[in-house]
Amino acid sequence: MIDYDSNRTTLATLGQRDHSTYRRNAPFSHLVIDPFFDPPTIEAVIGGVITVDFSDSQHVYHGFVRAADGTTIVFDCPGVSTHLGNGTFPISINSVGVVVGSYNDANGTSHGFLRATDGHIVSFDVADAHFGTDPADINTAGIVTGAYGDVNGISHGFVRGSDGVIAMFDAPDGANGTNPSSTNDLGVITGTARTGSEVLRGFVRTPDGKIVEFDVPGAANGMVPTSINSEGVVVGYFVDAGGAQHAFVRSVDGQITVLDEPNGNASPPSTSAVSINADGSITGVYLDAKNERHGFALLAAGSSSSPTSASPSSAASTTAASSVMSQPLSSSASQSPSGSGGGGSMSSLALLLLLAQVGATAAVSKRQWST
C-alpha cells in the first residue's frame, strides 16, 4: 500500500468551470497549470494530450484537443445543436488519442461520440436510451463506459467494446441508478450505485460482469468513486455527517484510506480525489478558507517525473486509433442486455486475482498529509 503521508505537491489554483474535464492519457510529473480549468486527472497534467470543452460568446460549447507541443484543434460533432448551453462535450481521451464524449442534438438529447486522431467523428447510442447516452471514460483498447437514461429517467451503466457491441448493466443496489465513472485498461469499471433509499454506494465491475459494491465508513449518504487505475485502486470522495468532504483511496484488497488536504480548511472542509494513475499518484481539488478551489497532486514514491511526447497526430497513435475506429460505431451496432459483454479481455489468472481482491472486506485508516 502506498504511503499517502508524504510526497504531496500543490499545483496552481484552478478556476471552477462546468463540463471541463481532463481524463487519463500519459505519465505524470510536476507542472503548474494555468488557473482556468477544473482539476486535471494525473496523466493529463504533463506530456500528454488534453481534451476539454469551452464555450463561445453565444454560450455554445465546442471540443478541443491540445497536443503536448501546444497545438490545439477545435472540433464539433456533426448534428450538434447550436442553442444556448448545448454543444460538444469531450470527457475522456485514451493513450492513443481517441476522444470520447457527448453532444446535444436539436431536441436536446445527448449522444455519445468517438473522435479518431485523424478527426473522424462517429456517434453512438444505447438502444434503450430515452434520455440520452453519456459516456464517462475510454481505455487504451477503445472500451467505453458510461450511463444512459431509460424511459423512467433511471440511469443504467453500459460498456461499449472496441467492436461496437454495447452491453448494459446495473449494480445490484442501483434501484435508482447506476453511473459508471471510470474504466482501466483491463476493462474493470468503477462507479456509483444509487439505492432505493437514495444512498450512494461504490462498485467495481470486472469484464465478466461480476460486480462488487462497497461503502466508505463515515459517509453520511454514500460516496462517489471517480477513477480506477490499472492495479484496481479506486479513488473518490464522500461527505460525512458534519458536512465535511473527504477524499478516499480504496486498495485492491478493500482497504479504505481517507485523505484530507491540510489546506482544505473551508467551512466545512472539502477535499476530493479526481484521478489516480498506475503508480498510485493522485490529483484532486480542495477548498481553502475563502472557499476558493485549488488543485493538488499527491505523488507516489518513484512516480514518473519526465514528460512524454504523446501527440494526436503521431503515426503510432493514428495506426492504433484506426483499429478502434474501423469497427462498427453507429447506434445500430449489436447490443447485449447481459452484463458480461462489451468488456475487454484479460488473462484467467489476472481475472481470478482481481476477483479475489475486489471482494475483500474493507478496513479503514485515516491520514492527513504533512505540510
Protein backbone atom coordinates (compact mmCIF):
# COMPACT_ATOMS: atom_id res chain seq x y z
CA MET A 1 0.00 0.00 0.00
CA ILE A 2 1.35 3.40 -0.93
CA ASP A 3 2.14 5.73 1.94
CA TYR A 4 0.00 8.79 1.28
CA ASP A 5 1.50 10.70 4.20
CA SER A 6 4.26 12.13 2.03
CA ASN A 7 5.19 13.31 -1.48
CA ARG A 8 2.48 15.94 -1.75
CA THR A 9 2.87 18.63 -4.42
CA THR A 10 0.44 21.54 -4.62
CA LEU A 11 -0.49 22.77 -8.09
CA ALA A 12 -1.66 26.21 -9.15
CA THR A 13 -5.15 27.45 -8.31
CA LEU A 14 -7.70 26.02 -10.73
CA GLY A 15 -10.80 28.03 -11.56
CA GLN A 16 -14.27 26.49 -11.39
CA ARG A 17 -15.86 25.65 -14.70
CA ASP A 18 -18.74 23.39 -15.65
CA HIS A 19 -18.15 20.47 -18.03
CA SER A 20 -14.37 20.94 -18.28
CA THR A 21 -12.84 17.55 -17.54
CA TYR A 22 -9.38 16.11 -18.14
CA ARG A 23 -9.04 12.38 -18.44
CA ARG A 24 -6.21 9.87 -18.48
CA ASN A 25 -3.51 9.97 -21.10
CA ALA A 26 0.18 9.99 -20.19
CA PRO A 27 2.50 9.53 -17.18
CA PHE A 28 2.52 12.37 -14.65
CA SER A 29 5.24 14.71 -13.47
CA HIS A 30 5.35 18.17 -11.94
CA LEU A 31 3.66 21.06 -13.69
CA VAL A 32 1.94 24.30 -12.75
CA ILE A 33 -1.36 24.64 -14.58
CA ASP A 34 -2.97 27.84 -15.84
CA PRO A 35 -5.84 28.87 -13.49
CA PHE A 36 -8.68 28.19 -15.91
CA PHE A 37 -9.97 24.64 -15.88
CA ASP A 38 -11.33 22.09 -13.44
CA PRO A 39 -8.75 19.80 -11.79
CA PRO A 40 -6.95 17.55 -14.29
CA THR A 41 -6.50 13.85 -13.98
CA ILE A 42 -2.99 12.84 -13.09
CA GLU A 43 -1.88 11.62 -16.51
CA ALA A 44 -3.13 14.67 -18.40
CA VAL A 45 -1.11 17.14 -16.36
CA ILE A 46 2.09 16.90 -18.36
CA GLY A 47 3.47 15.37 -21.51
CA GLY A 48 0.11 14.13 -22.71
CA VAL A 49 -2.74 15.14 -24.94
CA ILE A 50 -5.56 17.05 -23.22
CA THR A 51 -9.19 17.18 -24.28
CA VAL A 52 -11.74 19.57 -22.86
CA ASP A 53 -14.56 21.88 -23.93
CA PHE A 54 -15.05 25.64 -23.92
CA SER A 55 -17.97 27.98 -24.58
CA ASP A 56 -18.04 30.71 -27.18
CA SER A 57 -19.63 34.17 -26.95
CA GLN A 58 -23.03 32.58 -27.64
CA HIS A 59 -22.54 30.11 -24.77
CA VAL A 60 -22.34 27.15 -27.15
CA TYR A 61 -19.74 24.52 -26.24
CA HIS A 62 -17.01 23.18 -28.51
CA GLY A 63 -14.46 20.44 -28.02
CA PHE A 64 -10.73 20.79 -28.43
CA VAL A 65 -7.65 18.62 -28.29
CA ARG A 66 -4.34 20.11 -27.16
CA ALA A 67 -1.18 18.23 -28.05
CA ALA A 68 1.96 18.11 -25.92
CA ASP A 69 3.60 20.67 -28.21
CA GLY A 70 0.78 23.15 -27.60
CA THR A 71 -1.02 22.58 -30.90
CA THR A 72 -4.76 22.95 -30.40
CA ILE A 73 -7.53 21.52 -32.59
CA VAL A 74 -11.11 22.71 -32.10
CA PHE A 75 -13.92 20.39 -33.17
CA ASP A 76 -17.70 19.99 -33.16
CA CYS A 77 -19.80 16.87 -33.64
CA PRO A 78 -21.95 16.65 -36.80
CA GLY A 79 -25.58 17.34 -35.96
CA VAL A 80 -24.77 19.21 -32.76
CA SER A 81 -27.21 21.84 -31.51
CA THR A 82 -26.07 25.47 -31.51
CA HIS A 83 -28.67 26.52 -28.94
CA LEU A 84 -27.64 28.20 -25.71
CA GLY A 85 -25.85 25.80 -23.35
CA ASN A 86 -25.66 22.97 -25.88
CA GLY A 87 -22.66 21.74 -27.81
CA THR A 88 -19.87 19.18 -27.87
CA PHE A 89 -18.54 17.87 -24.55
CA PRO A 90 -15.38 15.73 -24.60
CA ILE A 91 -14.99 13.74 -21.40
CA SER A 92 -12.02 11.39 -21.89
CA ILE A 93 -9.03 10.69 -24.13
CA ASN A 94 -7.08 7.45 -24.23
CA SER A 95 -3.39 6.79 -24.69
CA VAL A 96 -3.66 6.58 -28.49
CA GLY A 97 -5.54 9.87 -28.79
CA VAL A 98 -9.13 8.70 -29.30
CA VAL A 99 -11.58 11.11 -27.63
CA VAL A 100 -14.96 10.13 -26.23
CA GLY A 101 -17.73 12.40 -25.05
CA SER A 102 -21.28 13.52 -25.74
CA TYR A 103 -23.13 16.16 -27.71
CA ASN A 104 -26.68 17.55 -27.78
CA ASP A 105 -28.86 17.42 -30.87
CA ALA A 106 -31.56 19.96 -31.80
CA ASN A 107 -34.00 18.23 -29.43
CA GLY A 108 -31.59 18.48 -26.52
CA THR A 109 -30.93 14.72 -26.48
CA SER A 110 -27.38 13.67 -25.72
CA HIS A 111 -25.50 11.16 -27.88
CA GLY A 112 -22.12 9.53 -27.42
CA PHE A 113 -19.28 10.20 -29.84
CA LEU A 114 -15.79 8.97 -30.63
CA ARG A 115 -13.20 11.16 -32.35
CA ALA A 116 -10.20 9.49 -34.02
CA THR A 117 -6.79 11.12 -34.26
CA ASP A 118 -7.47 11.95 -37.92
CA GLY A 119 -10.52 13.98 -36.87
CA HIS A 120 -13.13 11.43 -37.94
CA ILE A 121 -16.14 11.55 -35.59
CA VAL A 122 -18.84 8.91 -35.19
CA SER A 123 -21.81 8.92 -32.84
CA PHE A 124 -23.41 6.06 -30.94
CA ASP A 125 -26.41 5.45 -28.72
CA VAL A 126 -27.51 2.74 -26.33
CA ALA A 127 -30.64 1.13 -27.79
CA ASP A 128 -32.71 1.57 -24.62
CA ALA A 129 -31.68 5.20 -24.10
CA HIS A 130 -34.69 7.54 -23.89
CA PHE A 131 -32.93 10.37 -22.06
CA GLY A 132 -29.58 10.29 -23.77
CA THR A 133 -26.29 8.39 -23.87
CA ASP A 134 -23.49 9.84 -21.75
CA PRO A 135 -20.02 8.26 -21.96
CA ALA A 136 -17.73 8.69 -18.96
CA ASP A 137 -14.38 7.17 -19.93
CA ILE A 138 -12.39 5.29 -22.58
CA ASN A 139 -9.41 3.00 -22.10
CA THR A 140 -6.44 2.23 -24.36
CA ALA A 141 -8.27 -0.60 -26.10
CA GLY A 142 -11.12 1.74 -27.02
CA ILE A 143 -13.57 0.29 -24.49
CA VAL A 144 -16.03 2.97 -23.38
CA THR A 145 -18.17 3.07 -20.27
CA GLY A 146 -20.89 5.47 -19.25
CA ALA A 147 -24.58 5.75 -18.47
CA TYR A 148 -27.88 6.18 -20.26
CA GLY A 149 -31.38 7.13 -19.09
CA ASP A 150 -34.36 4.83 -19.60
CA VAL A 151 -37.97 5.82 -20.22
CA ASN A 152 -38.47 6.36 -16.47
CA GLY A 153 -35.42 8.57 -16.15
CA ILE A 154 -33.41 5.90 -14.30
CA SER A 155 -29.76 5.69 -15.27
CA HIS A 156 -28.09 2.41 -16.20
CA GLY A 157 -24.49 1.56 -16.97
CA PHE A 158 -23.13 0.49 -20.32
CA VAL A 159 -19.89 -0.86 -21.76
CA ARG A 160 -19.12 -0.36 -25.44
CA GLY A 161 -16.43 -2.69 -26.75
CA SER A 162 -13.94 -1.68 -29.41
CA ASP A 163 -16.02 -3.80 -31.83
CA GLY A 164 -19.04 -1.57 -31.25
CA VAL A 165 -21.00 -4.10 -29.20
CA ILE A 166 -22.77 -2.47 -26.26
CA ALA A 167 -23.67 -4.26 -23.03
CA MET A 168 -25.99 -2.69 -20.48
CA PHE A 169 -25.66 -3.41 -16.78
CA ASP A 170 -26.95 -2.43 -13.35
CA ALA A 171 -25.28 -2.59 -9.95
CA PRO A 172 -27.20 -4.87 -7.55
CA ASP A 173 -28.19 -1.93 -5.30
CA GLY A 174 -28.72 0.52 -8.16
CA ALA A 175 -32.51 0.69 -7.89
CA ASN A 176 -32.42 4.44 -8.56
CA GLY A 177 -29.49 4.46 -10.92
CA THR A 178 -26.11 3.03 -11.94
CA ASN A 179 -23.48 5.54 -13.02
CA PRO A 180 -20.04 4.32 -14.17
CA SER A 181 -17.27 6.89 -13.88
CA SER A 182 -14.02 5.22 -14.95
CA THR A 183 -12.54 2.14 -16.63
CA ASN A 184 -8.96 0.92 -16.54
CA ASP A 185 -7.02 -0.82 -19.30
CA LEU A 186 -8.19 -4.25 -18.11
CA GLY A 187 -11.78 -3.18 -18.65
CA VAL A 188 -12.52 -3.01 -14.91
CA ILE A 189 -15.08 -0.29 -14.19
CA THR A 190 -15.89 1.74 -11.10
CA GLY A 191 -18.83 3.98 -10.43
CA THR A 192 -21.81 4.74 -8.22
CA ALA A 193 -24.98 2.80 -7.44
CA ARG A 194 -27.91 4.85 -6.15
CA THR A 195 -30.04 2.73 -3.83
CA GLY A 196 -33.80 2.87 -3.39
CA SER A 197 -33.24 4.98 -0.27
CA GLU A 198 -31.01 7.42 -2.21
CA VAL A 199 -27.73 6.27 -0.66
CA LEU A 200 -24.71 6.21 -2.98
CA ARG A 201 -22.63 3.02 -2.94
CA GLY A 202 -19.46 2.41 -4.89
CA PHE A 203 -18.99 -0.55 -7.19
CA VAL A 204 -16.25 -2.33 -9.12
CA ARG A 205 -17.26 -4.35 -12.20
CA THR A 206 -14.90 -6.89 -13.79
CA PRO A 207 -15.03 -7.69 -17.53
CA ASP A 208 -17.01 -10.90 -16.94
CA GLY A 209 -19.85 -8.83 -15.45
CA LYS A 210 -19.18 -9.57 -11.76
CA ILE A 211 -19.98 -6.51 -9.61
CA VAL A 212 -18.76 -5.92 -6.07
CA GLU A 213 -20.25 -2.99 -4.15
CA PHE A 214 -18.51 -1.14 -1.33
CA ASP A 215 -19.01 1.67 1.16
CA VAL A 216 -16.76 4.15 2.93
CA PRO A 217 -17.32 4.06 6.70
CA GLY A 218 -18.23 7.52 7.98
CA ALA A 219 -20.03 8.57 4.81
CA ALA A 220 -23.38 10.16 5.65
CA ASN A 221 -25.26 9.40 2.43
CA GLY A 222 -22.73 7.42 0.46
CA MET A 223 -19.72 8.19 -1.68
CA VAL A 224 -18.63 8.82 -5.28
CA PRO A 225 -15.79 6.86 -6.92
CA THR A 226 -14.12 8.95 -9.63
CA SER A 227 -11.23 6.89 -11.02
CA ILE A 228 -9.71 3.40 -11.11
CA ASN A 229 -6.13 2.64 -12.11
CA SER A 230 -4.59 -0.39 -13.80
CA GLU A 231 -3.97 -2.03 -10.43
CA GLY A 232 -7.64 -1.75 -9.47
CA VAL A 233 -7.12 1.02 -6.90
CA VAL A 234 -10.14 3.36 -6.72
CA VAL A 235 -10.26 6.99 -5.60
CA GLY A 236 -13.18 9.31 -4.99
CA TYR A 237 -14.83 11.39 -2.29
CA PHE A 238 -17.57 11.32 0.35
CA VAL A 239 -19.32 13.70 2.76
CA ASP A 240 -19.51 12.90 6.47
CA ALA A 241 -22.35 13.62 8.93
CA GLY A 242 -20.88 17.03 9.72
CA GLY A 243 -20.89 18.11 6.07
CA ALA A 244 -17.12 17.82 5.56
CA GLN A 245 -15.98 16.35 2.25
CA HIS A 246 -13.04 13.93 2.20
CA ALA A 247 -11.07 12.10 -0.47
CA PHE A 248 -10.65 8.35 -0.21
CA VAL A 249 -8.46 5.63 -1.71
CA ARG A 250 -9.69 2.03 -1.91
CA SER A 251 -6.90 -0.51 -2.39
CA VAL A 252 -7.37 -3.74 -4.30
CA ASP A 253 -7.73 -5.65 -1.02
CA GLY A 254 -10.60 -3.40 0.07
CA GLN A 255 -8.71 -1.15 2.50
CA ILE A 256 -10.04 2.41 2.62
CA THR A 257 -7.71 5.33 3.32
CA VAL A 258 -9.26 8.74 3.97
CA LEU A 259 -7.27 11.73 2.71
CA ASP A 260 -7.60 15.37 3.76
CA GLU A 261 -5.54 18.11 2.14
CA PRO A 262 -4.13 20.25 5.02
CA ASN A 263 -5.00 23.46 3.20
CA GLY A 264 -8.56 22.32 2.57
CA ASN A 265 -9.80 24.29 5.54
CA ALA A 266 -13.06 25.65 4.19
CA SER A 267 -16.06 25.55 6.49
CA PRO A 268 -16.91 22.72 6.26
CA PRO A 269 -13.61 21.28 4.97
CA SER A 270 -13.55 19.90 1.43
CA THR A 271 -11.07 17.58 -0.33
CA SER A 272 -11.87 15.44 -3.39
CA ALA A 273 -9.75 12.95 -5.34
CA VAL A 274 -10.27 13.18 -9.10
CA SER A 275 -7.88 10.68 -10.67
CA ILE A 276 -5.25 8.04 -9.94
CA ASN A 277 -2.61 6.64 -12.28
CA ALA A 278 -0.80 3.31 -12.41
CA ASP A 279 1.88 4.21 -9.86
CA GLY A 280 -0.69 5.48 -7.34
CA SER A 281 -0.22 9.22 -7.87
CA ILE A 282 -3.42 11.18 -7.33
CA THR A 283 -4.81 14.53 -8.44
CA GLY A 284 -7.73 16.27 -6.83
CA VAL A 285 -9.22 19.51 -5.61
CA TYR A 286 -9.76 21.24 -2.28
CA LEU A 287 -11.40 24.42 -1.00
CA ASP A 288 -9.45 26.85 1.16
CA ALA A 289 -10.75 29.09 3.96
CA LYS A 290 -12.11 31.53 1.34
CA ASN A 291 -13.93 28.68 -0.44
CA GLU A 292 -11.60 29.11 -3.40
CA ARG A 293 -10.79 25.99 -5.39
CA HIS A 294 -7.24 24.67 -5.70
CA GLY A 295 -5.78 21.61 -7.38
CA PHE A 296 -3.33 19.25 -5.75
CA ALA A 297 -1.17 16.34 -6.82
CA LEU A 298 -0.14 13.61 -4.41
CA LEU A 299 2.85 11.85 -5.98
CA ALA A 300 3.68 8.26 -5.18
CA ALA A 301 7.30 7.46 -4.40
CA GLY A 302 9.16 6.68 -7.62
CA SER A 303 6.46 8.20 -9.83
CA SER A 304 7.36 9.33 -13.34
CA SER A 305 8.90 12.82 -13.44
CA SER A 306 9.83 13.29 -17.07
CA PRO A 307 7.42 14.48 -19.77
CA THR A 308 6.37 12.21 -22.58
CA SER A 309 5.69 13.34 -26.11
CA ALA A 310 2.25 12.00 -26.93
CA SER A 311 0.65 13.69 -29.90
CA PRO A 312 -2.77 13.30 -31.51
CA SER A 313 -1.17 13.32 -34.94
CA SER A 314 1.60 10.78 -34.35
CA ALA A 315 1.79 7.85 -36.76
CA ALA A 316 1.72 5.28 -33.97
CA SER A 317 -1.37 6.84 -32.45
CA THR A 318 -3.11 7.01 -35.81
CA THR A 319 -2.46 3.33 -36.51
CA ALA A 320 -3.67 2.18 -33.11
CA ALA A 321 -6.67 4.50 -33.12
CA SER A 322 -7.69 3.40 -36.61
CA SER A 323 -8.11 -0.19 -35.41
CA VAL A 324 -10.61 1.05 -32.83
CA MET A 325 -12.44 3.44 -35.13
CA SER A 326 -12.71 0.94 -38.00
CA GLN A 327 -15.12 -1.23 -36.03
CA PRO A 328 -18.93 -0.70 -36.12
CA LEU A 329 -19.57 2.56 -34.31
CA SER A 330 -23.15 3.54 -35.08
CA SER A 331 -26.14 3.02 -32.81
CA SER A 332 -27.09 0.06 -34.99
CA ALA A 333 -24.16 -1.97 -33.68
CA SER A 334 -25.27 -5.11 -31.85
CA GLN A 335 -26.05 -4.63 -28.18
CA SER A 336 -26.25 -7.16 -25.38
CA PRO A 337 -28.53 -6.76 -22.35
CA SER A 338 -26.38 -9.11 -20.30
CA GLY A 339 -23.76 -7.61 -18.02
CA SER A 340 -20.97 -9.77 -19.41
CA GLY A 341 -20.46 -8.46 -22.94
CA GLY A 342 -18.71 -5.46 -24.36
CA GLY A 343 -15.74 -5.50 -22.00
CA GLY A 344 -12.06 -6.03 -22.57
CA SER A 345 -10.15 -9.27 -22.18
CA MET A 346 -7.71 -10.29 -19.50
CA SER A 347 -5.90 -13.49 -18.53
CA SER A 348 -7.77 -16.01 -16.39
CA LEU A 349 -5.13 -15.72 -13.66
CA ALA A 350 -5.30 -11.92 -13.61
CA LEU A 351 -9.10 -12.04 -13.50
CA LEU A 352 -9.14 -14.55 -10.64
CA LEU A 353 -6.69 -12.45 -8.66
CA LEU A 354 -8.73 -9.32 -9.28
CA LEU A 355 -11.99 -11.00 -8.27
CA ALA A 356 -10.39 -12.09 -5.01
CA GLN A 357 -9.04 -8.61 -4.39
CA VAL A 358 -12.19 -6.60 -5.04
CA GLY A 359 -14.26 -8.92 -2.84
CA ALA A 360 -12.11 -8.45 0.25
CA THR A 361 -13.51 -6.97 3.46
CA ALA A 362 -12.70 -3.27 3.81
CA ALA A 363 -10.53 -1.88 6.57
CA VAL A 364 -10.27 1.84 7.28
CA SER A 365 -7.42 4.19 8.10
CA LYS A 366 -7.22 7.97 8.02
CA ARG A 367 -4.19 10.04 7.10
CA GLN A 368 -3.51 13.70 6.58
CA TRP A 369 -0.55 14.93 4.58
CA SER A 370 2.24 16.69 6.41
CA THR A 371 2.82 20.27 5.42
